[in-house]
Amino acid sequence: MVALSQPVNGYAFVLDGVLIGAGDSRWLAGAQVGLLVAYLPMIAWLNAHTSSLSADQTQAITALWCAMAAFMILRAVVLGLRARSDGWAVTGTRAGGH
């Protein structure tokens, strides 16, 4: 599962770097908070249901990595949408920036 998720992770990490380099850190911070809010129910569900999987640690760990992969897919989609927009491509000083 970890190996299969690497292309998505790489895409998300590259877009992180591009948007950070473009000075879009404020948007990234807000997006990450929103993505965390979307991810928390997955973790809560996983926490509630892995007690039945505790006898088989392999299933519990696989479920955790699947949840992490889902989070990274969400990140990649959100960051990809931002990169395709023109909102991050601002030249010069941003309004209110230093």
Protein backbone atom coordinates (compact mmCIF):
# COMPACT_ATOMS: atom_id res chain seq x y z
CA MET A 1 0.00 0.00 0.00
CA VAL A 2 2.82 2.36 0.87
CA ALA A 3 4.59 1.72 -2.44
CA LEU A 4 1.39 2.13 -4.46
CA SER A 5 0.69 5.53 -2.88
CA GLN A 6 4.13 6.99 -3.69
CA PRO A 7 3.22 8.54 -7.09
CA VAL A 8 0.29 10.41 -5.50
CA ASN A 9 2.48 11.47 -2.57
CA GLY A 10 5.17 12.74 -4.94
CA TYR A 11 2.63 14.76 -6.92
CA ALA A 12 1.25 16.34 -3.73
CA PHE A 13 4.74 17.12 -2.39
CA VAL A 14 5.82 18.74 -5.67
CA LEU A 15 2.71 20.93 -5.68
CA ASP A 16 3.40 21.85 -2.04
CA GLY A 17 6.84 23.05 -3.09
CA VAL A 18 5.54 24.97 -6.10
CA LEU A 19 2.86 26.73 -4.09
CA ILE A 20 5.21 27.48 -1.19
CA GLY A 21 7.75 28.87 -3.64
CA ALA A 22 5.04 31.03 -5.18
CA GLY A 23 4.25 32.52 -1.77
CA ASP A 24 0.88 30.81 -1.45
CA SER A 25 1.52 29.65 2.12
CA ARG A 26 -1.60 31.23 3.60
CA TRP A 27 -3.84 29.34 1.17
CA LEU A 28 -1.88 26.13 1.81
CA ALA A 29 -2.34 26.49 5.57
CA GLY A 30 -6.09 26.97 5.19
CA ALA A 31 -6.35 24.06 2.78
CA GLN A 32 -4.46 21.79 5.16
CA VAL A 33 -6.84 22.65 8.00
CA GLY A 34 -9.78 21.83 5.74
CA LEU A 35 -8.17 18.57 4.64
CA LEU A 36 -7.48 17.65 8.26
CA VAL A 37 -11.16 18.19 9.06
CA ALA A 38 -12.00 15.85 6.16
CA TYR A 39 -9.44 13.29 7.35
CA LEU A 40 -10.49 13.16 11.01
CA PRO A 41 -13.72 11.20 10.36
CA MET A 42 -11.69 8.57 8.49
CA ILE A 43 -9.37 8.20 11.47
CA ALA A 44 -12.28 8.17 13.93
CA TRP A 45 -14.00 5.42 11.92
CA LEU A 46 -10.75 3.50 11.69
CA ASN A 47 -10.18 3.83 15.43
CA ALA A 48 -13.70 2.56 16.14
CA HIS A 49 -13.37 -0.41 13.80
CA THR A 50 -9.77 -1.52 14.29
CA SER A 51 -10.48 -2.87 17.76
CA SER A 52 -12.10 -5.81 15.97
CA LEU A 53 -8.97 -6.08 13.83
CA SER A 54 -6.57 -6.05 16.76
CA ALA A 55 -6.20 -9.83 16.55
CA ASP A 56 -4.87 -9.36 13.03
CA GLN A 57 -2.38 -6.48 13.15
CA THR A 58 -1.73 -6.77 9.42
CA GLN A 59 -5.32 -5.79 8.61
CA ALA A 60 -5.22 -2.89 11.06
CA ILE A 61 -1.96 -1.54 9.63
CA THR A 62 -3.23 -1.97 6.06
CA ALA A 63 -6.39 -0.07 6.97
CA LEU A 64 -4.30 2.73 8.47
CA TRP A 65 -2.17 2.99 5.32
CA CYS A 66 -5.32 2.99 3.17
CA ALA A 67 -6.64 5.93 5.20
CA MET A 68 -3.32 7.74 4.77
CA ALA A 69 -3.42 7.08 1.02
CA ALA A 70 -6.97 8.49 0.89
CA PHE A 71 -5.75 11.61 2.70
CA MET A 72 -2.92 12.04 0.22
CA ILE A 73 -5.31 11.57 -2.71
CA LEU A 74 -7.50 14.33 -1.26
CA ARG A 75 -4.42 16.55 -0.89
CA ALA A 76 -3.31 15.85 -4.45
CA VAL A 77 -6.75 16.70 -5.83
CA VAL A 78 -7.06 19.95 -3.84
CA LEU A 79 -3.49 21.05 -4.63
CA GLY A 80 -3.94 20.10 -8.28
CA LEU A 81 -7.06 22.24 -8.52
CA ARG A 82 -5.22 25.16 -6.94
CA ALA A 83 -2.26 24.75 -9.30
CA ARG A 84 -4.59 24.77 -12.32
CA SER A 85 -6.16 28.05 -11.18
CA ASP A 86 -4.54 31.46 -11.46
CA GLY A 87 -5.03 32.33 -7.77
CA TRP A 88 -1.51 31.37 -6.76
CA ALA A 89 0.30 33.01 -9.70
CA VAL A 90 0.60 36.53 -8.34
CA THR A 91 3.60 38.64 -9.24
CA GLY A 92 5.01 41.25 -6.90
CA THR A 93 3.98 41.82 -3.32
CA ARG A 94 0.62 40.45 -2.26
CA ALA A 95 -1.85 42.83 -0.70
CA GLY A 96 -1.11 42.98 3.01
CA GLY A 97 2.17 41.11 2.57
CA HIS A 98 5.57 42.23 3.75
